[in-house]
Amino acid sequence: MKKILIAAGIVGTATAGILLYMRNRNQTSKTMHGLADDAGDAHDRVRKYFRKAKHQVKHEVDHALS
C-alpha cells in the first residue's frame, strides 16, 4: 500500500509538472507571436515614413532646381 501511494504521488507530481510546462510554453508562444506582430507593424511604419520622406526630399530638390 505504501509503495502504491508513493507511486501515485510521483505520477501526480510529474503530471502537474507537465501541465505547468505546457501552460507556460503556450503563454511564451503567444508572447513571442505578439512581439513578432509588433515588430512587423513597426517595420511597416518605418518603411512608410522613409517612403514619405523620400518623396518630400525629391519634391524639395526638384523645386530648388527649377
N, C-alpha and C. Protein backbone atom coordinates (compact mmCIF):
# COMPACT_ATOMS: atom_id res chain seq x y z
N MET A 1 0.83 -1.20 0.00
CA MET A 1 0.00 0.00 0.00
C MET A 1 0.87 1.25 0.00
N LYS A 2 1.94 1.22 0.78
CA LYS A 2 2.83 2.37 0.88
C LYS A 2 3.48 2.65 -0.47
N LYS A 3 3.89 1.61 -1.19
CA LYS A 3 4.53 1.78 -2.50
C LYS A 3 3.54 2.35 -3.52
N ILE A 4 2.29 1.94 -3.41
CA ILE A 4 1.27 2.45 -4.33
C ILE A 4 1.06 3.95 -4.10
N LEU A 5 1.03 4.38 -2.84
CA LEU A 5 0.85 5.79 -2.53
C LEU A 5 2.05 6.61 -3.02
N ILE A 6 3.24 6.08 -2.84
CA ILE A 6 4.44 6.78 -3.31
C ILE A 6 4.42 6.89 -4.84
N ALA A 7 4.07 5.80 -5.52
CA ALA A 7 4.00 5.82 -6.99
C ALA A 7 2.93 6.80 -7.46
N ALA A 8 1.79 6.84 -6.80
CA ALA A 8 0.73 7.76 -7.18
C ALA A 8 1.18 9.20 -6.98
N GLY A 9 1.92 9.46 -5.90
CA GLY A 9 2.45 10.80 -5.65
C GLY A 9 3.44 11.23 -6.73
N ILE A 10 4.29 10.30 -7.14
CA ILE A 10 5.28 10.60 -8.18
C ILE A 10 4.58 10.88 -9.51
N VAL A 11 3.60 10.05 -9.85
CA VAL A 11 2.86 10.26 -11.11
C VAL A 11 2.10 11.58 -11.06
N GLY A 12 1.49 11.89 -9.94
CA GLY A 12 0.76 13.15 -9.80
C GLY A 12 1.67 14.35 -9.92
N THR A 13 2.84 14.27 -9.30
CA THR A 13 3.81 15.36 -9.38
C THR A 13 4.31 15.54 -10.81
N ALA A 14 4.59 14.45 -11.49
CA ALA A 14 5.05 14.52 -12.88
C ALA A 14 3.96 15.12 -13.77
N THR A 15 2.72 14.72 -13.55
CA THR A 15 1.61 15.25 -14.34
C THR A 15 1.46 16.75 -14.11
N ALA A 16 1.54 17.17 -12.87
CA ALA A 16 1.43 18.60 -12.56
C ALA A 16 2.57 19.37 -13.21
N GLY A 17 3.77 18.83 -13.18
CA GLY A 17 4.91 19.48 -13.82
C GLY A 17 4.73 19.61 -15.32
N ILE A 18 4.20 18.56 -15.95
CA ILE A 18 3.96 18.61 -17.40
C ILE A 18 2.90 19.64 -17.73
N LEU A 19 1.84 19.69 -16.93
CA LEU A 19 0.78 20.66 -17.17
C LEU A 19 1.30 22.09 -17.03
N LEU A 20 2.11 22.35 -16.01
CA LEU A 20 2.69 23.69 -15.85
C LEU A 20 3.60 24.03 -17.02
N TYR A 21 4.40 23.07 -17.46
CA TYR A 21 5.29 23.29 -18.59
C TYR A 21 4.49 23.64 -19.85
N MET A 22 3.44 22.88 -20.11
CA MET A 22 2.64 23.11 -21.30
C MET A 22 1.95 24.48 -21.24
N ARG A 23 1.44 24.85 -20.06
CA ARG A 23 0.78 26.14 -19.92
C ARG A 23 1.75 27.27 -20.15
N ASN A 24 2.93 27.18 -19.59
CA ASN A 24 3.94 28.23 -19.76
C ASN A 24 4.45 28.26 -21.20
N ARG A 25 4.55 27.11 -21.83
CA ARG A 25 5.01 27.07 -23.22
C ARG A 25 4.02 27.78 -24.13
N ASN A 26 2.74 27.55 -23.90
CA ASN A 26 1.73 28.20 -24.72
C ASN A 26 1.74 29.71 -24.49
N GLN A 27 1.91 30.14 -23.24
CA GLN A 27 1.96 31.57 -22.94
C GLN A 27 3.19 32.20 -23.59
N THR A 28 4.31 31.51 -23.53
CA THR A 28 5.53 32.01 -24.16
C THR A 28 5.34 32.12 -25.67
N SER A 29 4.70 31.13 -26.25
CA SER A 29 4.45 31.15 -27.69
C SER A 29 3.56 32.33 -28.07
N LYS A 30 2.52 32.57 -27.29
CA LYS A 30 1.63 33.71 -27.56
C LYS A 30 2.39 35.02 -27.44
N THR A 31 3.24 35.13 -26.44
CA THR A 31 4.02 36.35 -26.24
C THR A 31 4.97 36.58 -27.41
N MET A 32 5.63 35.52 -27.87
CA MET A 32 6.56 35.65 -28.99
C MET A 32 5.82 36.04 -30.28
N HIS A 33 4.64 35.48 -30.51
CA HIS A 33 3.86 35.85 -31.68
C HIS A 33 3.43 37.31 -31.60
N GLY A 34 3.06 37.75 -30.39
CA GLY A 34 2.69 39.15 -30.21
C GLY A 34 3.85 40.09 -30.49
N LEU A 35 5.04 39.71 -30.02
CA LEU A 35 6.23 40.53 -30.28
C LEU A 35 6.55 40.56 -31.77
N ALA A 36 6.41 39.44 -32.43
CA ALA A 36 6.68 39.40 -33.87
C ALA A 36 5.69 40.28 -34.64
N ASP A 37 4.43 40.26 -34.23
CA ASP A 37 3.44 41.13 -34.88
C ASP A 37 3.77 42.60 -34.65
N ASP A 38 4.16 42.94 -33.42
CA ASP A 38 4.51 44.33 -33.12
C ASP A 38 5.74 44.77 -33.91
N ALA A 39 6.72 43.88 -34.04
CA ALA A 39 7.91 44.21 -34.80
C ALA A 39 7.57 44.42 -36.28
N GLY A 40 6.68 43.60 -36.81
CA GLY A 40 6.25 43.77 -38.20
C GLY A 40 5.52 45.09 -38.40
N ASP A 41 4.68 45.46 -37.44
CA ASP A 41 3.98 46.74 -37.53
C ASP A 41 4.96 47.91 -37.49
N ALA A 42 5.94 47.83 -36.60
CA ALA A 42 6.94 48.89 -36.51
C ALA A 42 7.73 48.99 -37.82
N HIS A 43 8.07 47.85 -38.40
CA HIS A 43 8.80 47.84 -39.66
C HIS A 43 7.99 48.51 -40.77
N ASP A 44 6.70 48.20 -40.80
CA ASP A 44 5.84 48.82 -41.82
C ASP A 44 5.76 50.33 -41.63
N ARG A 45 5.67 50.78 -40.37
CA ARG A 45 5.60 52.22 -40.11
C ARG A 45 6.90 52.91 -40.51
N VAL A 46 8.03 52.28 -40.25
CA VAL A 46 9.32 52.88 -40.63
C VAL A 46 9.43 52.95 -42.14
N ARG A 47 9.04 51.89 -42.84
CA ARG A 47 9.08 51.92 -44.31
C ARG A 47 8.20 53.02 -44.87
N LYS A 48 7.01 53.17 -44.29
CA LYS A 48 6.10 54.22 -44.75
C LYS A 48 6.70 55.60 -44.51
N TYR A 49 7.33 55.79 -43.35
CA TYR A 49 7.95 57.07 -43.03
C TYR A 49 9.05 57.41 -44.03
N PHE A 50 9.91 56.43 -44.33
CA PHE A 50 11.01 56.70 -45.25
C PHE A 50 10.54 56.90 -46.68
N ARG A 51 9.48 56.19 -47.09
CA ARG A 51 8.92 56.44 -48.43
C ARG A 51 8.39 57.87 -48.51
N LYS A 52 7.69 58.30 -47.46
CA LYS A 52 7.14 59.65 -47.45
C LYS A 52 8.27 60.69 -47.42
N ALA A 53 9.30 60.44 -46.61
CA ALA A 53 10.43 61.36 -46.52
C ALA A 53 11.15 61.45 -47.86
N LYS A 54 11.31 60.32 -48.53
CA LYS A 54 11.97 60.30 -49.84
C LYS A 54 11.17 61.14 -50.84
N HIS A 55 9.86 61.00 -50.82
CA HIS A 55 9.00 61.78 -51.71
C HIS A 55 9.13 63.27 -51.43
N GLN A 56 9.14 63.65 -50.15
CA GLN A 56 9.25 65.06 -49.77
C GLN A 56 10.60 65.63 -50.18
N VAL A 57 11.67 64.87 -49.98
CA VAL A 57 13.01 65.34 -50.35
C VAL A 57 13.10 65.50 -51.86
N LYS A 58 12.57 64.54 -52.60
CA LYS A 58 12.60 64.62 -54.06
C LYS A 58 11.84 65.86 -54.53
N HIS A 59 10.70 66.12 -53.92
CA HIS A 59 9.92 67.30 -54.26
C HIS A 59 10.68 68.58 -53.96
N GLU A 60 11.34 68.66 -52.81
CA GLU A 60 12.10 69.83 -52.44
C GLU A 60 13.29 70.05 -53.38
N VAL A 61 13.97 68.97 -53.78
CA VAL A 61 15.11 69.10 -54.69
C VAL A 61 14.62 69.55 -56.06
N ASP A 62 13.56 68.97 -56.56
CA ASP A 62 13.01 69.40 -57.84
C ASP A 62 12.59 70.87 -57.80
N HIS A 63 12.00 71.28 -56.69
CA HIS A 63 11.56 72.66 -56.54
C HIS A 63 12.77 73.61 -56.49
N ALA A 64 13.83 73.18 -55.79
CA ALA A 64 15.03 74.02 -55.66
C ALA A 64 15.76 74.15 -57.01
N LEU A 65 15.73 73.11 -57.83
CA LEU A 65 16.43 73.12 -59.10
C LEU A 65 15.65 73.86 -60.19
N SER A 66 14.35 74.06 -59.99
CA SER A 66 13.58 74.73 -61.04
C SER A 66 13.61 76.23 -60.92
